Protein backbone atom coordinates (compact mmCIF):
# COMPACT_ATOMS: atom_id res chain seq x y z
CA MET A 1 65.86 9.03 -227.98
CA ASN A 2 67.53 12.22 -229.02
CA PRO A 3 68.48 14.77 -226.32
CA GLU A 4 65.58 17.13 -227.35
CA GLN A 5 63.09 14.59 -226.90
CA ALA A 6 64.49 13.41 -223.54
CA HIS A 7 64.45 17.00 -222.34
CA ARG A 8 60.79 17.61 -223.47
CA PHE A 9 59.85 14.38 -221.78
CA GLU A 10 61.40 15.36 -218.48
CA THR A 11 60.28 19.03 -218.50
CA ASP A 12 56.91 18.94 -220.23
CA ILE A 13 55.39 15.50 -219.90
CA LEU A 14 56.75 13.76 -216.74
CA PRO A 15 55.72 16.61 -214.41
CA ARG A 16 52.06 16.14 -215.69
CA ILE A 17 52.34 12.40 -215.16
CA ALA A 18 53.73 13.03 -211.61
CA GLU A 19 50.86 15.18 -210.83
CA GLY A 20 48.41 12.69 -212.10
CA VAL A 21 49.91 9.90 -210.03
CA ALA A 22 50.01 12.19 -206.96
CA ARG A 23 46.25 12.64 -207.34
CA VAL A 24 45.36 9.02 -207.34
CA VAL A 25 47.77 7.64 -204.58
CA ASP A 26 47.75 8.04 -200.79
CA GLN A 27 48.93 11.54 -199.77
CA LYS A 28 51.57 9.94 -197.57
CA LEU A 29 53.40 8.66 -200.65
CA ARG A 30 56.12 10.77 -202.25
CA VAL A 31 56.00 11.26 -206.03
CA GLU A 32 59.25 12.52 -207.44
CA ILE A 33 60.91 12.94 -210.76
CA MET A 34 64.31 11.42 -211.07
CA PRO A 35 66.22 13.31 -213.75
CA GLY A 36 67.60 11.14 -216.69
CA GLY A 37 71.38 10.69 -216.71
CA ASN A 38 71.54 10.94 -220.42
CA PRO A 39 69.31 10.73 -223.68
CA HIS A 40 69.73 6.95 -223.37
CA GLU A 41 68.37 7.00 -219.89
CA PRO A 42 65.32 9.34 -219.76
CA ALA A 43 63.88 10.66 -216.58
CA ARG A 44 61.96 8.35 -214.38
CA LEU A 45 59.22 8.68 -211.68
CA ARG A 46 59.70 7.28 -208.30
CA VAL A 47 56.69 6.63 -205.91
CA SER A 48 57.88 5.85 -202.44
CA ALA A 49 56.81 5.92 -198.83
CA PRO A 50 58.50 7.14 -195.70
CA PRO A 51 59.23 4.39 -193.14
CA SER A 52 55.92 2.89 -192.18
CA ASP A 53 54.03 3.91 -189.11
CA LEU A 54 51.61 1.06 -189.76
CA ASP A 55 51.66 -2.12 -187.53
CA ALA A 56 53.16 -5.06 -189.33
CA ARG A 57 49.86 -6.85 -189.28
CA THR A 58 48.14 -3.97 -191.01
CA ARG A 59 50.69 -4.05 -193.92
CA ARG A 60 50.09 -6.25 -196.73
CA TYR A 61 53.80 -6.64 -197.65
CA PRO A 62 57.05 -6.43 -195.57
CA PHE A 63 58.74 -3.53 -197.44
CA ASP A 64 57.95 0.17 -197.66
CA MET A 65 56.82 1.31 -201.10
CA ASN A 66 59.71 2.13 -203.48
CA VAL A 67 58.57 1.87 -207.05
CA ILE A 68 60.26 3.39 -210.15
CA LEU A 69 58.34 3.85 -213.30
CA THR A 70 60.03 4.15 -216.73
CA TRP A 71 58.60 4.42 -220.15
CA ASP A 72 59.55 2.90 -223.37
CA ASP A 73 61.75 5.21 -225.59
CA GLU A 74 59.48 4.60 -228.63
CA GLU A 75 56.40 5.28 -226.69
CA ILE A 76 57.84 8.60 -225.48
CA ALA A 77 58.80 9.58 -229.10
CA ARG A 78 55.22 8.76 -230.13
CA LEU A 79 53.80 10.92 -227.46
CA LEU A 80 55.94 13.87 -228.66
CA ARG A 81 54.43 13.66 -232.29
CA PRO A 82 51.28 15.36 -233.37
CA GLY A 83 48.24 14.25 -231.47
CA GLY A 84 50.53 13.23 -228.57
CA ASP A 85 48.80 15.65 -226.16
CA ALA A 86 45.45 13.93 -226.61
CA ARG A 87 47.04 10.66 -226.05
CA LEU A 88 48.66 11.78 -222.92
CA GLN A 89 45.41 13.27 -221.66
CA ARG A 90 43.66 9.83 -222.17
CA TYR A 91 46.60 8.27 -220.26
CA LEU A 92 46.34 10.72 -217.32
CA ASP A 93 42.60 10.10 -217.16
CA ALA A 94 43.26 6.27 -216.91
CA LEU A 95 46.08 6.49 -214.31
CA GLY A 96 43.85 5.14 -211.51
CA ASP A 97 43.02 2.06 -213.22
CA LYS A 98 46.61 1.66 -214.57
CA LEU A 99 48.03 1.93 -211.01
CA ARG A 100 45.52 -0.67 -209.70
CA ALA A 101 46.62 -3.10 -212.46
CA TRP A 102 50.25 -2.46 -211.77
CA GLN A 103 49.72 -3.17 -208.01
CA ASP A 104 48.31 -6.56 -208.62
CA ALA A 105 50.80 -7.60 -211.13
CA ARG A 106 53.83 -6.49 -209.07
CA GLU A 107 52.79 -7.21 -205.35
CA VAL A 108 52.47 -3.53 -204.56
CA ASP A 109 49.73 -2.33 -202.07
CA VAL A 110 49.16 1.40 -202.27
CA PRO A 111 46.71 1.51 -199.35
CA THR A 112 49.25 0.16 -196.84
CA ARG A 113 52.24 1.77 -198.79
CA SER A 114 54.01 -1.61 -198.92
CA GLN A 115 55.35 -4.12 -201.47
CA ALA A 116 56.76 -7.59 -201.50
CA GLU A 117 60.29 -6.64 -202.70
CA PRO A 118 62.65 -3.97 -201.60
CA SER A 119 62.27 -2.11 -204.94
CA VAL A 120 60.05 -2.46 -207.74
CA LEU A 121 60.69 -1.38 -211.50
CA LEU A 122 57.80 -0.91 -213.71
CA GLY A 123 59.70 -0.52 -216.80
CA GLY A 124 59.03 -0.20 -220.45
CA LEU A 125 55.53 1.30 -219.83
CA ASP A 126 53.41 2.57 -222.68
CA PHE A 127 50.82 5.44 -222.92
CA GLU A 128 47.82 3.42 -223.76
CA ALA A 129 44.66 4.46 -221.89
């Protein structure tokens, strides 16, 4: 990914994704953009929970939520081409369903803000709705 694409993703697109994720997750979760280190490492999105105030029996998994989301470079480049805004909007509209699917696949539980591993990377994501 070239530096301009990385910058556009970080400043124009990722904030919209972060807002979309924040709308569909528990308000006690933090959704934050992690800036990219260079064009070969675009910005990421972190969804995390403060130390849990839930009883261990109430939690589904032992670790507080700490999920990092990254997107495939080619997918980001496609999103920046003509028609990309409509594709992004379809993706944003589907985020609730996508998050539910990611939970099941990676042993993450948004309602109890817990996960099976200390950290979870959801990498190489696409923008399919």
